[in-house]
Amino acid sequence: MQFKPLSNRVFIEVQEGEAMTKSGIVLPDTAEKEKPMRGKILATGPGKMNEKGERSAMSVKVGDMVLFKKYGPDEVELDGKKYLVGDEDDILAILE
């Protein structure tokens, strides 16, 4: 199924975080919920319209690994797999 976000929306595949620190300490689920989440951008919209009727360029592109707000994007399920759809503003950083 093809997915094409509108405006400044992004379609994100969530990447599972580390459940254990480098020193071997296992992190409980409650500790993981407070941290920003990471994911991969699978699709982006064309950008938001500005006051002049022109599209603003998106800051992210397909394939970017990003950190995003835990409670910003909405969860959707397609073909039995969970994804997130949110605004570009829900993204905190691009991971390089």
N, C-alpha and C. Protein backbone atom coordinates (compact mmCIF):
# COMPACT_ATOMS: atom_id res chain seq x y z
N MET A 1 0.83 -1.17 0.00
CA MET A 1 0.00 0.00 0.00
C MET A 1 0.89 1.25 0.00
N GLN A 2 0.59 2.20 -0.86
CA GLN A 2 1.32 3.46 -0.93
C GLN A 2 0.78 4.41 0.14
N PHE A 3 1.64 5.23 0.71
CA PHE A 3 1.24 6.19 1.72
C PHE A 3 1.85 7.53 1.37
N LYS A 4 1.02 8.55 1.14
CA LYS A 4 1.50 9.88 0.77
C LYS A 4 0.96 10.90 1.77
N PRO A 5 1.77 11.36 2.72
CA PRO A 5 1.32 12.36 3.69
C PRO A 5 0.99 13.69 3.01
N LEU A 6 0.11 14.45 3.62
CA LEU A 6 -0.26 15.77 3.13
C LEU A 6 0.45 16.86 3.91
N SER A 7 0.53 18.04 3.33
CA SER A 7 1.08 19.23 3.97
C SER A 7 2.47 18.95 4.55
N ASN A 8 2.68 19.24 5.83
CA ASN A 8 4.00 19.04 6.45
C ASN A 8 4.01 17.80 7.33
N ARG A 9 3.23 16.80 6.97
CA ARG A 9 3.17 15.54 7.73
C ARG A 9 4.30 14.61 7.32
N VAL A 10 4.69 13.74 8.25
CA VAL A 10 5.71 12.73 7.99
C VAL A 10 5.18 11.36 8.41
N PHE A 11 5.63 10.33 7.74
CA PHE A 11 5.25 8.94 7.99
C PHE A 11 6.50 8.26 8.53
N ILE A 12 6.43 7.75 9.78
CA ILE A 12 7.61 7.27 10.49
C ILE A 12 7.48 5.80 10.85
N GLU A 13 8.56 5.05 10.62
CA GLU A 13 8.66 3.67 11.11
C GLU A 13 9.47 3.72 12.39
N VAL A 14 8.87 3.30 13.49
CA VAL A 14 9.53 3.37 14.80
C VAL A 14 10.64 2.33 14.88
N GLN A 15 11.79 2.75 15.38
CA GLN A 15 12.93 1.86 15.60
C GLN A 15 12.97 1.54 17.09
N GLU A 16 13.05 0.27 17.42
CA GLU A 16 13.09 -0.14 18.82
C GLU A 16 14.37 0.34 19.48
N GLY A 17 14.24 0.84 20.70
CA GLY A 17 15.39 1.34 21.45
C GLY A 17 16.12 0.21 22.15
N GLU A 18 17.29 0.53 22.67
CA GLU A 18 18.08 -0.43 23.43
C GLU A 18 17.40 -0.71 24.76
N ALA A 19 17.26 -1.96 25.12
CA ALA A 19 16.67 -2.32 26.40
C ALA A 19 17.75 -2.49 27.46
N MET A 20 19.01 -2.35 27.07
CA MET A 20 20.11 -2.54 28.00
C MET A 20 21.18 -1.47 27.72
N THR A 21 21.77 -0.93 28.77
CA THR A 21 22.83 0.05 28.60
C THR A 21 24.12 -0.66 28.17
N LYS A 22 25.13 0.13 27.78
CA LYS A 22 26.41 -0.45 27.37
C LYS A 22 27.09 -1.21 28.51
N SER A 23 26.82 -0.80 29.75
CA SER A 23 27.43 -1.49 30.89
C SER A 23 26.63 -2.71 31.34
N GLY A 24 25.51 -3.01 30.66
CA GLY A 24 24.76 -4.22 30.96
C GLY A 24 23.56 -4.04 31.87
N ILE A 25 23.21 -2.79 32.20
CA ILE A 25 22.05 -2.55 33.05
C ILE A 25 20.79 -2.62 32.19
N VAL A 26 19.83 -3.44 32.61
CA VAL A 26 18.58 -3.57 31.88
C VAL A 26 17.66 -2.42 32.25
N LEU A 27 17.13 -1.73 31.24
CA LEU A 27 16.24 -0.61 31.47
C LEU A 27 14.79 -1.06 31.52
N PRO A 28 14.02 -0.66 32.53
CA PRO A 28 12.61 -1.02 32.58
C PRO A 28 11.81 -0.20 31.56
N ASP A 29 10.59 -0.65 31.25
CA ASP A 29 9.74 0.05 30.29
C ASP A 29 9.45 1.48 30.71
N THR A 30 9.32 1.73 32.00
CA THR A 30 9.01 3.08 32.48
C THR A 30 10.14 4.05 32.17
N ALA A 31 11.36 3.61 32.21
CA ALA A 31 12.50 4.49 31.90
C ALA A 31 12.52 4.82 30.42
N GLU A 32 12.12 3.90 29.58
CA GLU A 32 12.15 4.09 28.13
C GLU A 32 11.08 5.08 27.68
N LYS A 33 9.97 5.15 28.38
CA LYS A 33 8.86 6.00 27.97
C LYS A 33 9.18 7.48 28.11
N GLU A 34 10.09 7.86 28.94
CA GLU A 34 10.41 9.26 29.17
C GLU A 34 11.36 9.83 28.11
N LYS A 35 12.05 8.98 27.38
CA LYS A 35 13.03 9.42 26.42
C LYS A 35 12.37 9.69 25.07
N PRO A 36 12.94 10.60 24.26
CA PRO A 36 12.43 10.77 22.91
C PRO A 36 12.59 9.46 22.14
N MET A 37 11.73 9.24 21.17
CA MET A 37 11.78 8.02 20.39
C MET A 37 12.53 8.27 19.10
N ARG A 38 13.00 7.18 18.49
CA ARG A 38 13.70 7.32 17.22
C ARG A 38 12.98 6.51 16.16
N GLY A 39 13.15 6.95 14.92
CA GLY A 39 12.51 6.25 13.82
C GLY A 39 13.09 6.66 12.48
N LYS A 40 12.59 6.03 11.45
CA LYS A 40 13.04 6.28 10.08
C LYS A 40 11.90 6.89 9.29
N ILE A 41 12.19 7.97 8.57
CA ILE A 41 11.19 8.63 7.74
C ILE A 41 10.95 7.78 6.49
N LEU A 42 9.70 7.34 6.30
CA LEU A 42 9.35 6.54 5.13
C LEU A 42 8.70 7.37 4.04
N ALA A 43 8.05 8.48 4.42
CA ALA A 43 7.41 9.36 3.44
C ALA A 43 7.22 10.73 4.06
N THR A 44 7.24 11.77 3.22
CA THR A 44 6.99 13.13 3.69
C THR A 44 5.97 13.78 2.76
N GLY A 45 5.27 14.76 3.32
CA GLY A 45 4.37 15.56 2.50
C GLY A 45 5.16 16.59 1.72
N PRO A 46 4.48 17.38 0.89
CA PRO A 46 5.17 18.37 0.05
C PRO A 46 5.62 19.61 0.83
N GLY A 47 5.14 19.82 2.04
CA GLY A 47 5.49 20.99 2.83
C GLY A 47 4.26 21.85 3.08
N LYS A 48 4.35 22.70 4.08
CA LYS A 48 3.23 23.56 4.47
C LYS A 48 3.17 24.79 3.56
N MET A 49 1.95 25.26 3.29
CA MET A 49 1.76 26.47 2.50
C MET A 49 2.02 27.69 3.38
N ASN A 50 2.76 28.66 2.86
CA ASN A 50 3.00 29.89 3.61
C ASN A 50 1.96 30.95 3.22
N GLU A 51 2.11 32.17 3.74
CA GLU A 51 1.14 33.24 3.50
C GLU A 51 1.07 33.66 2.03
N LYS A 52 2.15 33.45 1.29
CA LYS A 52 2.21 33.83 -0.13
C LYS A 52 1.65 32.74 -1.04
N GLY A 53 1.23 31.61 -0.45
CA GLY A 53 0.70 30.52 -1.26
C GLY A 53 1.78 29.61 -1.82
N GLU A 54 3.00 29.73 -1.29
CA GLU A 54 4.12 28.88 -1.74
C GLU A 54 4.36 27.80 -0.70
N ARG A 55 4.90 26.68 -1.14
CA ARG A 55 5.22 25.57 -0.23
C ARG A 55 6.57 25.82 0.42
N SER A 56 6.62 25.62 1.74
CA SER A 56 7.88 25.67 2.48
C SER A 56 8.55 24.31 2.35
N ALA A 57 9.85 24.30 2.13
CA ALA A 57 10.59 23.04 1.98
C ALA A 57 10.61 22.28 3.29
N MET A 58 10.53 20.96 3.21
CA MET A 58 10.61 20.10 4.40
C MET A 58 12.06 20.02 4.87
N SER A 59 12.25 19.92 6.18
CA SER A 59 13.60 19.81 6.76
C SER A 59 14.12 18.38 6.74
N VAL A 60 13.22 17.40 6.58
CA VAL A 60 13.60 15.99 6.58
C VAL A 60 13.27 15.38 5.23
N LYS A 61 13.92 14.26 4.94
CA LYS A 61 13.67 13.55 3.67
C LYS A 61 13.52 12.06 3.96
N VAL A 62 13.03 11.35 3.00
CA VAL A 62 12.85 9.91 3.14
C VAL A 62 14.20 9.26 3.43
N GLY A 63 14.22 8.38 4.42
CA GLY A 63 15.45 7.68 4.80
C GLY A 63 16.15 8.28 6.01
N ASP A 64 15.80 9.52 6.39
CA ASP A 64 16.42 10.14 7.55
C ASP A 64 16.05 9.40 8.83
N MET A 65 17.02 9.22 9.73
CA MET A 65 16.77 8.70 11.07
C MET A 65 16.55 9.92 11.96
N VAL A 66 15.46 9.92 12.72
CA VAL A 66 15.09 11.10 13.50
C VAL A 66 14.73 10.74 14.93
N LEU A 67 14.82 11.74 15.81
CA LEU A 67 14.28 11.67 17.16
C LEU A 67 12.99 12.46 17.14
N PHE A 68 11.93 11.93 17.75
CA PHE A 68 10.66 12.64 17.75
C PHE A 68 9.99 12.55 19.11
N LYS A 69 9.01 13.41 19.32
CA LYS A 69 8.29 13.47 20.59
C LYS A 69 7.48 12.20 20.80
N LYS A 70 7.45 11.72 22.02
CA LYS A 70 6.73 10.50 22.38
C LYS A 70 5.24 10.65 22.12
N TYR A 71 4.65 11.77 22.51
CA TYR A 71 3.21 11.93 22.43
C TYR A 71 2.77 12.86 21.30
N GLY A 72 3.64 13.16 20.36
CA GLY A 72 3.26 14.04 19.25
C GLY A 72 2.54 13.33 18.12
N PRO A 73 3.19 12.36 17.46
CA PRO A 73 2.59 11.70 16.30
C PRO A 73 1.44 10.76 16.68
N ASP A 74 0.56 10.52 15.71
CA ASP A 74 -0.54 9.57 15.88
C ASP A 74 -0.13 8.20 15.35
N GLU A 75 -0.57 7.16 16.04
CA GLU A 75 -0.24 5.79 15.64
C GLU A 75 -1.28 5.29 14.64
N VAL A 76 -0.82 4.67 13.56
CA VAL A 76 -1.70 4.04 12.57
C VAL A 76 -1.19 2.63 12.31
N GLU A 77 -2.08 1.76 11.86
CA GLU A 77 -1.69 0.40 11.56
C GLU A 77 -2.01 0.11 10.10
N LEU A 78 -1.01 -0.34 9.35
CA LEU A 78 -1.17 -0.70 7.94
C LEU A 78 -0.57 -2.08 7.73
N ASP A 79 -1.34 -2.96 7.13
CA ASP A 79 -0.89 -4.32 6.84
C ASP A 79 -0.35 -5.02 8.08
N GLY A 80 -0.96 -4.77 9.23
CA GLY A 80 -0.57 -5.43 10.48
C GLY A 80 0.65 -4.86 11.16
N LYS A 81 1.19 -3.76 10.66
CA LYS A 81 2.38 -3.15 11.25
C LYS A 81 2.05 -1.73 11.71
N LYS A 82 2.60 -1.32 12.85
CA LYS A 82 2.30 0.00 13.40
C LYS A 82 3.31 1.04 12.93
N TYR A 83 2.79 2.20 12.54
CA TYR A 83 3.59 3.33 12.10
C TYR A 83 3.09 4.57 12.82
N LEU A 84 3.80 5.69 12.62
CA LEU A 84 3.39 6.97 13.18
C LEU A 84 3.24 8.00 12.08
N VAL A 85 2.25 8.87 12.23
CA VAL A 85 2.05 9.99 11.32
C VAL A 85 1.99 11.24 12.18
N GLY A 86 2.84 12.21 11.86
CA GLY A 86 2.87 13.43 12.66
C GLY A 86 3.31 14.61 11.85
N ASP A 87 3.30 15.77 12.49
CA ASP A 87 3.78 16.99 11.87
C ASP A 87 5.30 17.02 11.86
N GLU A 88 5.84 17.78 10.96
CA GLU A 88 7.30 17.97 10.93
C GLU A 88 7.76 18.57 12.27
N ASP A 89 6.91 19.36 12.93
CA ASP A 89 7.25 19.97 14.21
C ASP A 89 7.41 18.96 15.34
N ASP A 90 6.90 17.73 15.17
CA ASP A 90 7.05 16.69 16.18
C ASP A 90 8.47 16.12 16.20
N ILE A 91 9.24 16.39 15.15
CA ILE A 91 10.61 15.89 15.05
C ILE A 91 11.55 16.82 15.80
N LEU A 92 12.37 16.22 16.67
CA LEU A 92 13.31 17.01 17.48
C LEU A 92 14.67 17.16 16.83
N ALA A 93 15.12 16.11 16.12
CA ALA A 93 16.47 16.14 15.54
C ALA A 93 16.61 15.07 14.47
N ILE A 94 17.55 15.30 13.55
CA ILE A 94 17.95 14.30 12.55
C ILE A 94 19.22 13.66 13.06
N LEU A 95 19.25 12.33 13.10
CA LEU A 95 20.45 11.60 13.56
C LEU A 95 21.36 11.36 12.36
N GLU A 96 22.64 11.68 12.53
CA GLU A 96 23.60 11.46 11.44
C GLU A 96 24.62 10.43 11.82
